[in-house]
Protein backbone atom coordinates (compact mmCIF):
# COMPACT_ATOMS: atom_id res chain seq x y z
CA MET A 1 -20.17 20.82 0.81
CA LYS A 2 -21.46 17.90 1.60
CA VAL A 3 -24.14 15.95 0.86
CA ASN A 4 -25.58 13.95 3.91
CA TYR A 5 -28.55 11.55 3.33
CA ASN A 6 -28.22 10.24 6.91
CA LEU A 7 -27.06 6.85 5.66
CA THR A 8 -24.32 5.80 7.33
CA LYS A 9 -21.31 4.43 5.23
CA TYR A 10 -18.78 2.10 5.77
CA TRP A 11 -15.35 2.53 4.77
CA MET A 12 -12.46 0.55 4.88
CA ILE A 13 -8.89 2.37 5.48
CA ILE A 14 -5.65 0.79 5.11
CA ILE A 15 -2.68 1.43 7.05
CA ASN A 16 0.91 -0.06 8.07
CA GLU A 17 1.55 -1.88 11.89
CA VAL A 18 3.40 1.80 12.83
CA ASN A 19 0.27 4.09 11.71
CA TRP A 20 -2.25 1.10 13.81
CA LYS A 21 -0.16 1.94 16.98
CA VAL A 22 -1.11 5.89 16.63
CA VAL A 23 -4.75 5.63 15.69
CA LYS A 24 -5.19 3.16 18.58
CA ARG A 25 -3.27 5.53 20.56
CA THR A 26 -4.78 8.99 19.75
CA ASN A 27 -8.46 7.78 18.17
CA ILE A 28 -7.14 9.84 14.87
CA ILE A 29 -6.42 9.07 11.22
CA GLY A 30 -5.20 11.12 8.63
CA SER A 31 -4.92 10.91 4.71
CA ASN A 32 -3.14 13.47 2.04
CA TYR A 33 -6.00 13.03 -0.09
CA LYS A 34 -8.65 15.76 1.17
CA SER A 35 -11.35 15.03 -1.51
CA ARG A 36 -11.26 11.36 0.31
CA ILE A 37 -11.88 12.84 3.66
CA ASP A 38 -15.06 15.21 2.56
CA MET A 39 -16.87 12.04 1.34
CA ILE A 40 -16.52 10.61 4.89
CA ASN A 41 -19.36 11.90 7.33
CA ASN A 42 -19.29 12.04 10.80
CA ASP A 43 -21.27 8.67 12.38
CA ASP A 44 -19.46 6.77 9.18
CA ILE A 45 -18.09 3.70 10.26
CA ILE A 46 -14.50 3.25 9.42
CA LEU A 47 -12.97 -0.46 9.53
CA VAL A 48 -9.06 -0.20 9.48
CA TYR A 49 -7.52 -2.95 7.90
CA VAL A 50 -3.30 -3.06 9.00
CA LYS A 51 -1.17 -4.43 5.32
CA ARG A 52 1.24 -7.03 5.59
CA PRO A 53 2.42 -8.41 7.27
CA ILE A 54 -0.46 -8.25 9.25
CA SER A 55 -2.75 -8.28 6.87
CA SER A 56 -6.15 -8.10 9.18
CA ILE A 57 -8.95 -6.02 9.79
CA MET A 58 -8.07 -4.91 13.66
CA GLY A 59 -10.55 -2.05 14.70
CA LYS A 60 -14.01 -0.71 13.62
CA PHE A 61 -14.27 3.21 14.97
CA SER A 62 -17.38 5.67 14.36
CA VAL A 63 -15.84 9.05 12.94
CA VAL A 64 -16.35 12.02 14.97
CA ALA A 65 -15.01 14.88 12.96
CA ASN A 66 -12.62 15.94 9.96
CA PHE A 67 -10.35 18.51 10.54
CA VAL A 68 -6.81 19.74 9.04
CA ASN A 69 -3.84 19.42 11.20
CA HIS A 70 -0.03 19.71 10.07
CA LYS A 71 1.79 18.13 13.29
CA HIS A 72 3.58 14.78 12.17
CA MET A 73 2.49 12.12 13.96
CA PHE A 74 2.28 9.41 11.69
CA SER A 75 5.30 7.47 9.95
CA GLY A 76 5.71 8.20 6.27
CA GLY A 77 3.88 11.61 6.09
CA ILE A 78 2.33 14.35 7.86
CA TYR A 79 -1.40 13.11 6.25
CA THR A 80 -2.73 16.59 7.06
CA PHE A 81 -6.81 15.73 6.73
CA ARG A 82 -7.66 13.87 9.33
CA LEU A 83 -10.20 12.18 10.77
CA GLU A 84 -11.62 12.16 14.74
CA LEU A 85 -12.59 8.39 15.06
CA LYS A 86 -14.69 7.02 18.11
CA PRO A 87 -13.46 3.07 19.18
CA ILE A 88 -16.57 1.15 18.85
CA LYS A 89 -14.25 -2.36 18.76
CA ILE A 90 -10.70 -3.15 19.04
CA LEU A 91 -10.27 -6.24 17.84
CA LYS A 92 -9.04 -8.86 20.09
CA ASN A 93 -9.11 -11.48 17.41
CA PRO A 94 -8.02 -9.23 13.97
CA ILE A 95 -10.26 -10.49 10.85
CA LYS A 96 -7.53 -11.70 8.32
CA ILE A 97 -8.14 -10.09 5.30
CA MET A 98 -7.99 -13.64 2.87
CA SER A 99 -11.04 -15.41 4.46
CA LEU A 100 -13.09 -12.24 3.29
CA ILE A 101 -11.59 -11.88 -0.23
CA ASP A 102 -14.79 -13.57 -2.02
CA LYS A 103 -17.41 -11.93 0.52
CA LEU A 104 -15.80 -8.18 -0.53
CA GLY A 105 -17.45 -7.14 -3.81
CA PHE A 106 -14.99 -3.87 -3.78
CA ILE A 107 -12.09 -6.25 -4.26
CA LYS A 108 -11.58 -6.89 -7.93
CA ASN A 109 -9.25 -9.72 -9.25
CA TYR A 110 -7.30 -9.90 -6.33
CA CYS A 111 -6.70 -14.03 -8.35
CA CYS A 112 -5.02 -11.92 -11.05
CA THR A 113 -3.21 -9.50 -9.12
CA ASN A 114 -2.37 -10.77 -6.01
CA ARG A 115 -2.48 -7.29 -4.24
CA ILE A 116 -5.36 -5.28 -2.29
CA TYR A 117 -5.00 -1.71 -3.33
CA ASN A 118 -4.70 1.35 -0.63
CA ASN A 119 -6.82 3.94 -2.47
CA PHE A 120 -7.48 6.31 0.53
């Protein structure tokens, strides 16, 4: 059961360049982790970060719905647990993540690990 306090939450989802093209074309993003999808509510905001070599935030979306689908549409897996998205802004000038590292509180010890982890 989802708890919704009517607060919009912001999420950053990390994907590869191939899957970014799928998200842009279909307005759907997926995960193998039901518990993570279940934390995301309708109207929450998703920032899509495309990892190397792009290493940039590419778009901002709002969540329309979550659903389950076994159709293979993503590179690297089925990603059964999915979100239907509504585009807010597809960036013509993507935001390089390195310019934001010091401002993003959820990125810890970047200087020591030199990695951004995909926890989604």
